[in-house]
mmCIF file of all heavy atoms, coordinates in Angstrom:
data_MODEL
# 
_entry.id   MODEL 
# 
loop_
_atom_site.group_PDB 
_atom_site.id 
_atom_site.type_symbol 
_atom_site.label_atom_id 
_atom_site.label_alt_id 
_atom_site.label_comp_id 
_atom_site.label_asym_id 
_atom_site.label_entity_id 
_atom_site.label_seq_id 
_atom_site.pdbx_PDB_ins_code 
_atom_site.Cartn_x 
_atom_site.Cartn_y 
_atom_site.Cartn_z 
_atom_site.occupancy 
_atom_site.B_iso_or_equiv 
_atom_site.pdbx_formal_charge 
_atom_site.auth_seq_id 
_atom_site.auth_comp_id 
_atom_site.auth_asym_id 
_atom_site.auth_atom_id 
_atom_site.pdbx_PDB_model_num 
ATOM 1   N N   . GLU A 1 1  ? 0.818  -1.208 0.000  1.00 0.00 ? 1  GLU A N   1 
ATOM 2   C CA  . GLU A 1 1  ? 0.000  0.000  0.000  1.00 0.00 ? 1  GLU A CA  1 
ATOM 3   C C   . GLU A 1 1  ? 0.852  1.259  0.000  1.00 0.00 ? 1  GLU A C   1 
ATOM 4   O O   . GLU A 1 1  ? 2.057  1.214  0.218  1.00 0.00 ? 1  GLU A O   1 
ATOM 5   C CB  . GLU A 1 1  ? -0.992 -0.083 1.161  1.00 0.00 ? 1  GLU A CB  1 
ATOM 6   C CG  . GLU A 1 1  ? -1.858 -1.351 0.996  1.00 0.00 ? 1  GLU A CG  1 
ATOM 7   C CD  . GLU A 1 1  ? -2.953 -1.484 2.026  1.00 0.00 ? 1  GLU A CD  1 
ATOM 8   O OE1 . GLU A 1 1  ? -3.140 -0.572 2.849  1.00 0.00 ? 1  GLU A OE1 1 
ATOM 9   O OE2 . GLU A 1 1  ? -3.633 -2.525 2.017  1.00 0.00 ? 1  GLU A OE2 1 
ATOM 10  N N   . ASN A 1 2  ? 0.218  2.400  -0.251 1.00 0.00 ? 2  ASN A N   1 
ATOM 11  C CA  . ASN A 1 2  ? 0.971  3.603  -0.610 1.00 0.00 ? 2  ASN A CA  1 
ATOM 12  C C   . ASN A 1 2  ? 1.286  4.544  0.544  1.00 0.00 ? 2  ASN A C   1 
ATOM 13  O O   . ASN A 1 2  ? 2.365  5.130  0.598  1.00 0.00 ? 2  ASN A O   1 
ATOM 14  C CB  . ASN A 1 2  ? 0.195  4.391  -1.679 1.00 0.00 ? 2  ASN A CB  1 
ATOM 15  C CG  . ASN A 1 2  ? -0.216 3.545  -2.856 1.00 0.00 ? 2  ASN A CG  1 
ATOM 16  O OD1 . ASN A 1 2  ? -1.399 3.349  -3.104 1.00 0.00 ? 2  ASN A OD1 1 
ATOM 17  N ND2 . ASN A 1 2  ? 0.750  3.012  -3.603 1.00 0.00 ? 2  ASN A ND2 1 
ATOM 18  N N   . VAL A 1 3  ? 0.333  4.725  1.456  1.00 0.00 ? 3  VAL A N   1 
ATOM 19  C CA  . VAL A 1 3  ? 0.480  5.711  2.532  1.00 0.00 ? 3  VAL A CA  1 
ATOM 20  C C   . VAL A 1 3  ? 0.019  5.097  3.845  1.00 0.00 ? 3  VAL A C   1 
ATOM 21  O O   . VAL A 1 3  ? -0.994 4.391  3.887  1.00 0.00 ? 3  VAL A O   1 
ATOM 22  C CB  . VAL A 1 3  ? -0.349 6.980  2.236  1.00 0.00 ? 3  VAL A CB  1 
ATOM 23  C CG1 . VAL A 1 3  ? -0.228 7.986  3.370  1.00 0.00 ? 3  VAL A CG1 1 
ATOM 24  C CG2 . VAL A 1 3  ? 0.088  7.615  0.926  1.00 0.00 ? 3  VAL A CG2 1 
ATOM 25  N N   . MET A 1 4  ? 0.761  5.366  4.931  1.00 0.00 ? 4  MET A N   1 
ATOM 26  C CA  . MET A 1 4  ? 0.431  4.845  6.247  1.00 0.00 ? 4  MET A CA  1 
ATOM 27  C C   . MET A 1 4  ? -0.141 5.958  7.129  1.00 0.00 ? 4  MET A C   1 
ATOM 28  O O   . MET A 1 4  ? 0.509  6.992  7.317  1.00 0.00 ? 4  MET A O   1 
ATOM 29  C CB  . MET A 1 4  ? 1.681  4.266  6.917  1.00 0.00 ? 4  MET A CB  1 
ATOM 30  C CG  . MET A 1 4  ? 2.409  3.224  6.089  1.00 0.00 ? 4  MET A CG  1 
ATOM 31  S SD  . MET A 1 4  ? 1.444  1.725  5.906  1.00 0.00 ? 4  MET A SD  1 
ATOM 32  C CE  . MET A 1 4  ? 1.961  1.180  4.280  1.00 0.00 ? 4  MET A CE  1 
ATOM 33  N N   . LEU A 1 5  ? -1.327 5.745  7.651  1.00 0.00 ? 5  LEU A N   1 
ATOM 34  C CA  . LEU A 1 5  ? -1.993 6.742  8.494  1.00 0.00 ? 5  LEU A CA  1 
ATOM 35  C C   . LEU A 1 5  ? -1.599 6.534  9.957  1.00 0.00 ? 5  LEU A C   1 
ATOM 36  O O   . LEU A 1 5  ? -1.684 5.426  10.487 1.00 0.00 ? 5  LEU A O   1 
ATOM 37  C CB  . LEU A 1 5  ? -3.506 6.625  8.333  1.00 0.00 ? 5  LEU A CB  1 
ATOM 38  C CG  . LEU A 1 5  ? -4.378 7.494  9.246  1.00 0.00 ? 5  LEU A CG  1 
ATOM 39  C CD1 . LEU A 1 5  ? -4.080 8.969  9.057  1.00 0.00 ? 5  LEU A CD1 1 
ATOM 40  C CD2 . LEU A 1 5  ? -5.868 7.201  8.990  1.00 0.00 ? 5  LEU A CD2 1 
ATOM 41  N N   . LEU A 1 6  ? -1.183 7.625  10.599 1.00 0.00 ? 6  LEU A N   1 
ATOM 42  C CA  . LEU A 1 6  ? -0.785 7.587  12.007 1.00 0.00 ? 6  LEU A CA  1 
ATOM 43  C C   . LEU A 1 6  ? -1.484 8.721  12.748 1.00 0.00 ? 6  LEU A C   1 
ATOM 44  O O   . LEU A 1 6  ? -1.280 9.890  12.441 1.00 0.00 ? 6  LEU A O   1 
ATOM 45  C CB  . LEU A 1 6  ? 0.736  7.753  12.128 1.00 0.00 ? 6  LEU A CB  1 
ATOM 46  C CG  . LEU A 1 6  ? 1.331  7.647  13.527 1.00 0.00 ? 6  LEU A CG  1 
ATOM 47  C CD1 . LEU A 1 6  ? 1.257  6.204  14.045 1.00 0.00 ? 6  LEU A CD1 1 
ATOM 48  C CD2 . LEU A 1 6  ? 2.773  8.131  13.536 1.00 0.00 ? 6  LEU A CD2 1 
ATOM 49  N N   . PHE A 1 7  ? -2.310 8.372  13.725 1.00 0.00 ? 7  PHE A N   1 
ATOM 50  C CA  . PHE A 1 7  ? -2.961 9.396  14.535 1.00 0.00 ? 7  PHE A CA  1 
ATOM 51  C C   . PHE A 1 7  ? -2.053 9.797  15.698 1.00 0.00 ? 7  PHE A C   1 
ATOM 52  O O   . PHE A 1 7  ? -1.309 8.979  16.245 1.00 0.00 ? 7  PHE A O   1 
ATOM 53  C CB  . PHE A 1 7  ? -4.302 8.903  15.078 1.00 0.00 ? 7  PHE A CB  1 
ATOM 54  C CG  . PHE A 1 7  ? -5.381 8.821  14.032 1.00 0.00 ? 7  PHE A CG  1 
ATOM 55  C CD1 . PHE A 1 7  ? -6.025 7.623  13.749 1.00 0.00 ? 7  PHE A CD1 1 
ATOM 56  C CD2 . PHE A 1 7  ? -5.745 9.949  13.323 1.00 0.00 ? 7  PHE A CD2 1 
ATOM 57  C CE1 . PHE A 1 7  ? -7.019 7.548  12.788 1.00 0.00 ? 7  PHE A CE1 1 
ATOM 58  C CE2 . PHE A 1 7  ? -6.739 9.892  12.351 1.00 0.00 ? 7  PHE A CE2 1 
ATOM 59  C CZ  . PHE A 1 7  ? -7.375 8.687  12.086 1.00 0.00 ? 7  PHE A CZ  1 
ATOM 60  N N   . ASN A 1 8  ? -2.150 11.049 16.075 1.00 0.00 ? 8  ASN A N   1 
ATOM 61  C CA  . ASN A 1 8  ? -1.313 11.625 17.125 1.00 0.00 ? 8  ASN A CA  1 
ATOM 62  C C   . ASN A 1 8  ? -1.539 10.909 18.460 1.00 0.00 ? 8  ASN A C   1 
ATOM 63  O O   . ASN A 1 8  ? -2.664 10.840 18.956 1.00 0.00 ? 8  ASN A O   1 
ATOM 64  C CB  . ASN A 1 8  ? -1.640 13.116 17.262 1.00 0.00 ? 8  ASN A CB  1 
ATOM 65  C CG  . ASN A 1 8  ? -0.585 13.876 18.022 1.00 0.00 ? 8  ASN A CG  1 
ATOM 66  O OD1 . ASN A 1 8  ? 0.179  13.309 18.776 1.00 0.00 ? 8  ASN A OD1 1 
ATOM 67  N ND2 . ASN A 1 8  ? -0.544 15.190 17.817 1.00 0.00 ? 8  ASN A ND2 1 
ATOM 68  N N   . TYR A 1 9  ? -0.459 10.373 19.023 1.00 0.00 ? 9  TYR A N   1 
ATOM 69  C CA  . TYR A 1 9  ? -0.520 9.722  20.332 1.00 0.00 ? 9  TYR A CA  1 
ATOM 70  C C   . TYR A 1 9  ? 0.038  10.655 21.406 1.00 0.00 ? 9  TYR A C   1 
ATOM 71  O O   . TYR A 1 9  ? 0.301  10.252 22.528 1.00 0.00 ? 9  TYR A O   1 
ATOM 72  C CB  . TYR A 1 9  ? 0.284  8.419  20.279 1.00 0.00 ? 9  TYR A CB  1 
ATOM 73  C CG  . TYR A 1 9  ? -0.133 7.352  21.269 1.00 0.00 ? 9  TYR A CG  1 
ATOM 74  C CD1 . TYR A 1 9  ? 0.295  6.042  21.115 1.00 0.00 ? 9  TYR A CD1 1 
ATOM 75  C CD2 . TYR A 1 9  ? -0.938 7.637  22.371 1.00 0.00 ? 9  TYR A CD2 1 
ATOM 76  C CE1 . TYR A 1 9  ? -0.062 5.048  22.010 1.00 0.00 ? 9  TYR A CE1 1 
ATOM 77  C CE2 . TYR A 1 9  ? -1.299 6.656  23.272 1.00 0.00 ? 9  TYR A CE2 1 
ATOM 78  C CZ  . TYR A 1 9  ? -0.860 5.365  23.085 1.00 0.00 ? 9  TYR A CZ  1 
ATOM 79  O OH  . TYR A 1 9  ? -1.217 4.388  23.980 1.00 0.00 ? 9  TYR A OH  1 
ATOM 80  N N   . TYR A 1 10 ? 0.257  11.913 21.031 1.00 0.00 ? 10 TYR A N   1 
ATOM 81  C CA  . TYR A 1 10 ? 0.730  12.968 21.917 1.00 0.00 ? 10 TYR A CA  1 
ATOM 82  C C   . TYR A 1 10 ? 2.029  12.586 22.630 1.00 0.00 ? 10 TYR A C   1 
ATOM 83  O O   . TYR A 1 10 ? 3.060  12.516 22.007 1.00 0.00 ? 10 TYR A O   1 
ATOM 84  C CB  . TYR A 1 10 ? -0.385 13.396 22.872 1.00 0.00 ? 10 TYR A CB  1 
ATOM 85  C CG  . TYR A 1 10 ? -1.566 13.945 22.091 1.00 0.00 ? 10 TYR A CG  1 
ATOM 86  C CD1 . TYR A 1 10 ? -2.731 13.195 21.934 1.00 0.00 ? 10 TYR A CD1 1 
ATOM 87  C CD2 . TYR A 1 10 ? -1.465 15.156 21.430 1.00 0.00 ? 10 TYR A CD2 1 
ATOM 88  C CE1 . TYR A 1 10 ? -3.790 13.670 21.162 1.00 0.00 ? 10 TYR A CE1 1 
ATOM 89  C CE2 . TYR A 1 10 ? -2.513 15.644 20.656 1.00 0.00 ? 10 TYR A CE2 1 
ATOM 90  C CZ  . TYR A 1 10 ? -3.672 14.904 20.520 1.00 0.00 ? 10 TYR A CZ  1 
ATOM 91  O OH  . TYR A 1 10 ? -4.689 15.373 19.753 1.00 0.00 ? 10 TYR A OH  1 
ATOM 92  N N   . HIS A 1 11 ? 2.015  12.305 23.924 1.00 0.00 ? 11 HIS A N   1 
ATOM 93  C CA  . HIS A 1 11 ? 3.264  12.133 24.663 1.00 0.00 ? 11 HIS A CA  1 
ATOM 94  C C   . HIS A 1 11 ? 3.941  10.785 24.436 1.00 0.00 ? 11 HIS A C   1 
ATOM 95  O O   . HIS A 1 11 ? 5.022  10.553 24.957 1.00 0.00 ? 11 HIS A O   1 
ATOM 96  C CB  . HIS A 1 11 ? 3.006  12.323 26.157 1.00 0.00 ? 11 HIS A CB  1 
ATOM 97  C CG  . HIS A 1 11 ? 2.274  13.581 26.469 1.00 0.00 ? 11 HIS A CG  1 
ATOM 98  N ND1 . HIS A 1 11 ? 2.858  14.822 26.321 1.00 0.00 ? 11 HIS A ND1 1 
ATOM 99  C CD2 . HIS A 1 11 ? 0.998  13.802 26.875 1.00 0.00 ? 11 HIS A CD2 1 
ATOM 100 C CE1 . HIS A 1 11 ? 1.961  15.754 26.646 1.00 0.00 ? 11 HIS A CE1 1 
ATOM 101 N NE2 . HIS A 1 11 ? 0.842  15.158 26.977 1.00 0.00 ? 11 HIS A NE2 1 
ATOM 102 N N   . PHE A 1 12 ? 3.319  9.900  23.665 1.00 0.00 ? 12 PHE A N   1 
ATOM 103 C CA  . PHE A 1 12 ? 3.855  8.553  23.475 1.00 0.00 ? 12 PHE A CA  1 
ATOM 104 C C   . PHE A 1 12 ? 4.165  8.276  22.009 1.00 0.00 ? 12 PHE A C   1 
ATOM 105 O O   . PHE A 1 12 ? 3.535  8.833  21.112 1.00 0.00 ? 12 PHE A O   1 
ATOM 106 C CB  . PHE A 1 12 ? 2.866  7.506  23.990 1.00 0.00 ? 12 PHE A CB  1 
ATOM 107 C CG  . PHE A 1 12 ? 2.444  7.743  25.415 1.00 0.00 ? 12 PHE A CG  1 
ATOM 108 C CD1 . PHE A 1 12 ? 1.116  8.022  25.722 1.00 0.00 ? 12 PHE A CD1 1 
ATOM 109 C CD2 . PHE A 1 12 ? 3.365  7.692  26.437 1.00 0.00 ? 12 PHE A CD2 1 
ATOM 110 C CE1 . PHE A 1 12 ? 0.725  8.243  27.028 1.00 0.00 ? 12 PHE A CE1 1 
ATOM 111 C CE2 . PHE A 1 12 ? 2.986  7.917  27.752 1.00 0.00 ? 12 PHE A CE2 1 
ATOM 112 C CZ  . PHE A 1 12 ? 1.663  8.192  28.051 1.00 0.00 ? 12 PHE A CZ  1 
ATOM 113 N N   . ASN A 1 13 ? 5.111  7.362  21.793 1.00 0.00 ? 13 ASN A N   1 
ATOM 114 C CA  . ASN A 1 13 ? 5.436  6.949  20.421 1.00 0.00 ? 13 ASN A CA  1 
ATOM 115 C C   . ASN A 1 13 ? 4.450  5.933  19.873 1.00 0.00 ? 13 ASN A C   1 
ATOM 116 O O   . ASN A 1 13 ? 4.200  5.888  18.678 1.00 0.00 ? 13 ASN A O   1 
ATOM 117 C CB  . ASN A 1 13 ? 6.835  6.325  20.372 1.00 0.00 ? 13 ASN A CB  1 
ATOM 118 C CG  . ASN A 1 13 ? 7.932  7.334  20.590 1.00 0.00 ? 13 ASN A CG  1 
ATOM 119 O OD1 . ASN A 1 13 ? 7.746  8.524  20.373 1.00 0.00 ? 13 ASN A OD1 1 
ATOM 120 N ND2 . ASN A 1 13 ? 9.078  6.864  21.040 1.00 0.00 ? 13 ASN A ND2 1 
ATOM 121 N N   . GLY A 1 14 ? 3.910  5.079  20.757 1.00 0.00 ? 14 GLY A N   1 
ATOM 122 C CA  . GLY A 1 14 ? 3.168  3.929  20.264 1.00 0.00 ? 14 GLY A CA  1 
ATOM 123 C C   . GLY A 1 14 ? 4.131  2.942  19.615 1.00 0.00 ? 14 GLY A C   1 
ATOM 124 O O   . GLY A 1 14 ? 5.356  3.068  19.717 1.00 0.00 ? 14 GLY A O   1 
ATOM 125 N N   . THR A 1 15 ? 3.607  1.947  18.909 1.00 0.00 ? 15 THR A N   1 
ATOM 126 C CA  . THR A 1 15 ? 4.464  0.933  18.288 1.00 0.00 ? 15 THR A CA  1 
ATOM 127 C C   . THR A 1 15 ? 4.352  0.878  16.773 1.00 0.00 ? 15 THR A C   1 
ATOM 128 O O   . THR A 1 15 ? 5.313  0.529  16.100 1.00 0.00 ? 15 THR A O   1 
ATOM 129 C CB  . THR A 1 15 ? 4.138  -0.460 18.847 1.00 0.00 ? 15 THR A CB  1 
ATOM 130 O OG1 . THR A 1 15 ? 2.732  -0.697 18.697 1.00 0.00 ? 15 THR A OG1 1 
ATOM 131 C CG2 . THR A 1 15 ? 4.498  -0.560 20.323 1.00 0.00 ? 15 THR A CG2 1 
ATOM 132 N N   . LYS A 1 16 ? 3.172  1.230  16.242 1.00 0.00 ? 16 LYS A N   1 
ATOM 133 C CA  . LYS A 1 16 ? 2.993  1.044  14.797 1.00 0.00 ? 16 LYS A CA  1 
ATOM 134 C C   . LYS A 1 16 ? 3.906  1.947  13.969 1.00 0.00 ? 16 LYS A C   1 
ATOM 135 O O   . LYS A 1 16 ? 4.246  1.620  12.837 1.00 0.00 ? 16 LYS A O   1 
ATOM 136 C CB  . LYS A 1 16 ? 1.531  1.247  14.399 1.00 0.00 ? 16 LYS A CB  1 
ATOM 137 C CG  . LYS A 1 16 ? 0.967  2.645  14.629 1.00 0.00 ? 16 LYS A CG  1 
ATOM 138 C CD  . LYS A 1 16 ? -0.451 2.757  14.104 1.00 0.00 ? 16 LYS A CD  1 
ATOM 139 C CE  . LYS A 1 16 ? -1.441 1.944  14.877 1.00 0.00 ? 16 LYS A CE  1 
ATOM 140 N NZ  . LYS A 1 16 ? -1.761 2.464  16.219 1.00 0.00 ? 16 LYS A NZ  1 
ATOM 141 N N   . ILE A 1 17 ? 4.347  3.062  14.548 1.00 0.00 ? 17 ILE A N   1 
ATOM 142 C CA  . ILE A 1 17 ? 5.218  3.968  13.802 1.00 0.00 ? 17 ILE A CA  1 
ATOM 143 C C   . ILE A 1 17 ? 6.499  3.260  13.344 1.00 0.00 ? 17 ILE A C   1 
ATOM 144 O O   . ILE A 1 17 ? 7.032  3.548  12.273 1.00 0.00 ? 17 ILE A O   1 
ATOM 145 C CB  . ILE A 1 17 ? 5.559  5.221  14.633 1.00 0.00 ? 17 ILE A CB  1 
ATOM 146 C CG1 . ILE A 1 17 ? 6.315  6.253  13.782 1.00 0.00 ? 17 ILE A CG1 1 
ATOM 147 C CG2 . ILE A 1 17 ? 6.335  4.869  15.882 1.00 0.00 ? 17 ILE A CG2 1 
ATOM 148 C CD1 . ILE A 1 17 ? 6.544  7.570  14.490 1.00 0.00 ? 17 ILE A CD1 1 
ATOM 149 N N   . TYR A 1 18 ? 6.960  2.291  14.127 1.00 0.00 ? 18 TYR A N   1 
ATOM 150 C CA  . TYR A 1 18 ? 8.223  1.635  13.796 1.00 0.00 ? 18 TYR A CA  1 
ATOM 151 C C   . TYR A 1 18 ? 8.079  0.717  12.581 1.00 0.00 ? 18 TYR A C   1 
ATOM 152 O O   . TYR A 1 18 ? 8.971  0.659  11.731 1.00 0.00 ? 18 TYR A O   1 
ATOM 153 C CB  . TYR A 1 18 ? 8.745  0.858  15.004 1.00 0.00 ? 18 TYR A CB  1 
ATOM 154 C CG  . TYR A 1 18 ? 9.038  1.753  16.181 1.00 0.00 ? 18 TYR A CG  1 
ATOM 155 C CD1 . TYR A 1 18 ? 8.223  1.758  17.305 1.00 0.00 ? 18 TYR A CD1 1 
ATOM 156 C CD2 . TYR A 1 18 ? 10.124 2.622  16.161 1.00 0.00 ? 18 TYR A CD2 1 
ATOM 157 C CE1 . TYR A 1 18 ? 8.485  2.591  18.386 1.00 0.00 ? 18 TYR A CE1 1 
ATOM 158 C CE2 . TYR A 1 18 ? 10.394 3.467  17.228 1.00 0.00 ? 18 TYR A CE2 1 
ATOM 159 C CZ  . TYR A 1 18 ? 9.570  3.441  18.331 1.00 0.00 ? 18 TYR A CZ  1 
ATOM 160 O OH  . TYR A 1 18 ? 9.820  4.278  19.392 1.00 0.00 ? 18 TYR A OH  1 
ATOM 161 N N   . ASP A 1 19 ? 6.960  -0.008 12.494 1.00 0.00 ? 19 ASP A N   1 
ATOM 162 C CA  . ASP A 1 19 ? 6.723  -0.820 11.295 1.00 0.00 ? 19 ASP A CA  1 
ATOM 163 C C   . ASP A 1 19 ? 6.573  0.065  10.068 1.00 0.00 ? 19 ASP A C   1 
ATOM 164 O O   . ASP A 1 19 ? 7.058  -0.269 8.978  1.00 0.00 ? 19 ASP A O   1 
ATOM 165 C CB  . ASP A 1 19 ? 5.470  -1.679 11.468 1.00 0.00 ? 19 ASP A CB  1 
ATOM 166 C CG  . ASP A 1 19 ? 5.726  -2.891 12.340 1.00 0.00 ? 19 ASP A CG  1 
ATOM 167 O OD1 . ASP A 1 19 ? 6.892  -3.312 12.447 1.00 0.00 ? 19 ASP A OD1 1 
ATOM 168 O OD2 . ASP A 1 19 ? 4.765  -3.416 12.930 1.00 0.00 ? 19 ASP A OD2 1 
ATOM 169 N N   . TYR A 1 20 ? 5.894  1.194  10.230 1.00 0.00 ? 20 TYR A N   1 
ATOM 170 C CA  . TYR A 1 20 ? 5.758  2.137  9.116  1.00 0.00 ? 20 TYR A CA  1 
ATOM 171 C C   . TYR A 1 20 ? 7.133  2.614  8.636  1.00 0.00 ? 20 TYR A C   1 
ATOM 172 O O   . TYR A 1 20 ? 7.394  2.686  7.431  1.00 0.00 ? 20 TYR A O   1 
ATOM 173 C CB  . TYR A 1 20 ? 4.936  3.353  9.547  1.00 0.00 ? 20 TYR A CB  1 
ATOM 174 C CG  . TYR A 1 20 ? 3.467  3.112  9.811  1.00 0.00 ? 20 TYR A CG  1 
ATOM 175 C CD1 . TYR A 1 20 ? 2.651  4.141  10.279 1.00 0.00 ? 20 TYR A CD1 1 
ATOM 176 C CD2 . TYR A 1 20 ? 2.868  1.873  9.605  1.00 0.00 ? 20 TYR A CD2 1 
ATOM 177 C CE1 . TYR A 1 20 ? 1.300  3.954  10.532 1.00 0.00 ? 20 TYR A CE1 1 
ATOM 178 C CE2 . TYR A 1 20 ? 1.517  1.677  9.844  1.00 0.00 ? 20 TYR A CE2 1 
ATOM 179 C CZ  . TYR A 1 20 ? 0.740  2.724  10.313 1.00 0.00 ? 20 TYR A CZ  1 
ATOM 180 O OH  . TYR A 1 20 ? -0.597 2.536  10.557 1.00 0.00 ? 20 TYR A OH  1 
ATOM 181 N N   . LEU A 1 21 ? 8.010  2.914  9.617  1.00 0.00 ? 21 LEU A N   1 
ATOM 182 C CA  . LEU A 1 21 ? 9.356  3.364  9.264  1.00 0.00 ? 21 LEU A CA  1 
ATOM 183 C C   . LEU A 1 21 ? 10.129 2.263  8.542  1.00 0.00 ? 21 LEU A C   1 
ATOM 184 O O   . LEU A 1 21 ? 10.810 2.506  7.542  1.00 0.00 ? 21 LEU A O   1 
ATOM 185 C CB  . LEU A 1 21 ? 10.116 3.785  10.523 1.00 0.00 ? 21 LEU A CB  1 
ATOM 186 C CG  . LEU A 1 21 ? 9.675  5.081  11.204 1.00 0.00 ? 21 LEU A CG  1 
ATOM 187 C CD1 . LEU A 1 21 ? 10.309 5.191  12.588 1.00 0.00 ? 21 LEU A CD1 1 
ATOM 188 C CD2 . LEU A 1 21 ? 10.042 6.293  10.370 1.00 0.00 ? 21 LEU A CD2 1 
ATOM 189 N N   . GLY A 1 22 ? 10.012 1.046  9.059  1.00 0.00 ? 22 GLY A N   1 
ATOM 190 C CA  . GLY A 1 22 ? 10.730 -0.064 8.455  1.00 0.00 ? 22 GLY A CA  1 
ATOM 191 C C   . GLY A 1 22 ? 10.285 -0.341 7.030  1.00 0.00 ? 22 GLY A C   1 
ATOM 192 O O   . GLY A 1 22 ? 11.099 -0.684 6.164  1.00 0.00 ? 22 GLY A O   1 
ATOM 193 N N   . LEU A 1 23 ? 8.998  -0.169 6.757  1.00 0.00 ? 23 LEU A N   1 
ATOM 194 C CA  . LEU A 1 23 ? 8.462  -0.400 5.410  1.00 0.00 ? 23 LEU A CA  1 
ATOM 195 C C   . LEU A 1 23 ? 8.856  0.689  4.423  1.00 0.00 ? 23 LEU A C   1 
ATOM 196 O O   . LEU A 1 23 ? 8.742  0.507  3.210  1.00 0.00 ? 23 LEU A O   1 
ATOM 197 C CB  . LEU A 1 23 ? 6.932  -0.490 5.466  1.00 0.00 ? 23 LEU A CB  1 
ATOM 198 C CG  . LEU A 1 23 ? 6.353  -1.758 6.102  1.00 0.00 ? 23 LEU A CG  1 
ATOM 199 C CD1 . LEU A 1 23 ? 4.864  -1.593 6.343  1.00 0.00 ? 23 LEU A CD1 1 
ATOM 200 C CD2 . LEU A 1 23 ? 6.628  -2.975 5.239  1.00 0.00 ? 23 LEU A CD2 1 
ATOM 201 N N   . LYS A 1 24 ? 9.264  1.839  4.945  1.00 0.00 ? 24 LYS A N   1 
ATOM 202 C CA  . LYS A 1 24 ? 9.644  2.989  4.118  1.00 0.00 ? 24 LYS A CA  1 
ATOM 203 C C   . LYS A 1 24 ? 8.496  3.407  3.195  1.00 0.00 ? 24 LYS A C   1 
ATOM 204 O O   . LYS A 1 24 ? 8.652  3.563  1.985  1.00 0.00 ? 24 LYS A O   1 
ATOM 205 C CB  . LYS A 1 24 ? 10.917 2.695  3.323  1.00 0.00 ? 24 LYS A CB  1 
ATOM 206 C CG  . LYS A 1 24 ? 12.132 2.506  4.228  1.00 0.00 ? 24 LYS A CG  1 
ATOM 207 C CD  . LYS A 1 24 ? 13.447 2.501  3.467  1.00 0.00 ? 24 LYS A CD  1 
ATOM 208 C CE  . LYS A 1 24 ? 14.609 2.455  4.451  1.00 0.00 ? 24 LYS A CE  1 
ATOM 209 N NZ  . LYS A 1 24 ? 15.919 2.456  3.773  1.00 0.00 ? 24 LYS A NZ  1 
# 
C-alpha cells in the first residue's frame, strides 16, 4: 500500500510507527 496513516498519540510513540518506518 501507498500511505500509512498515524494518529497523534501525543506524549507517546506507540508501536505502529516503527513498522511504518521499516516499510519505508
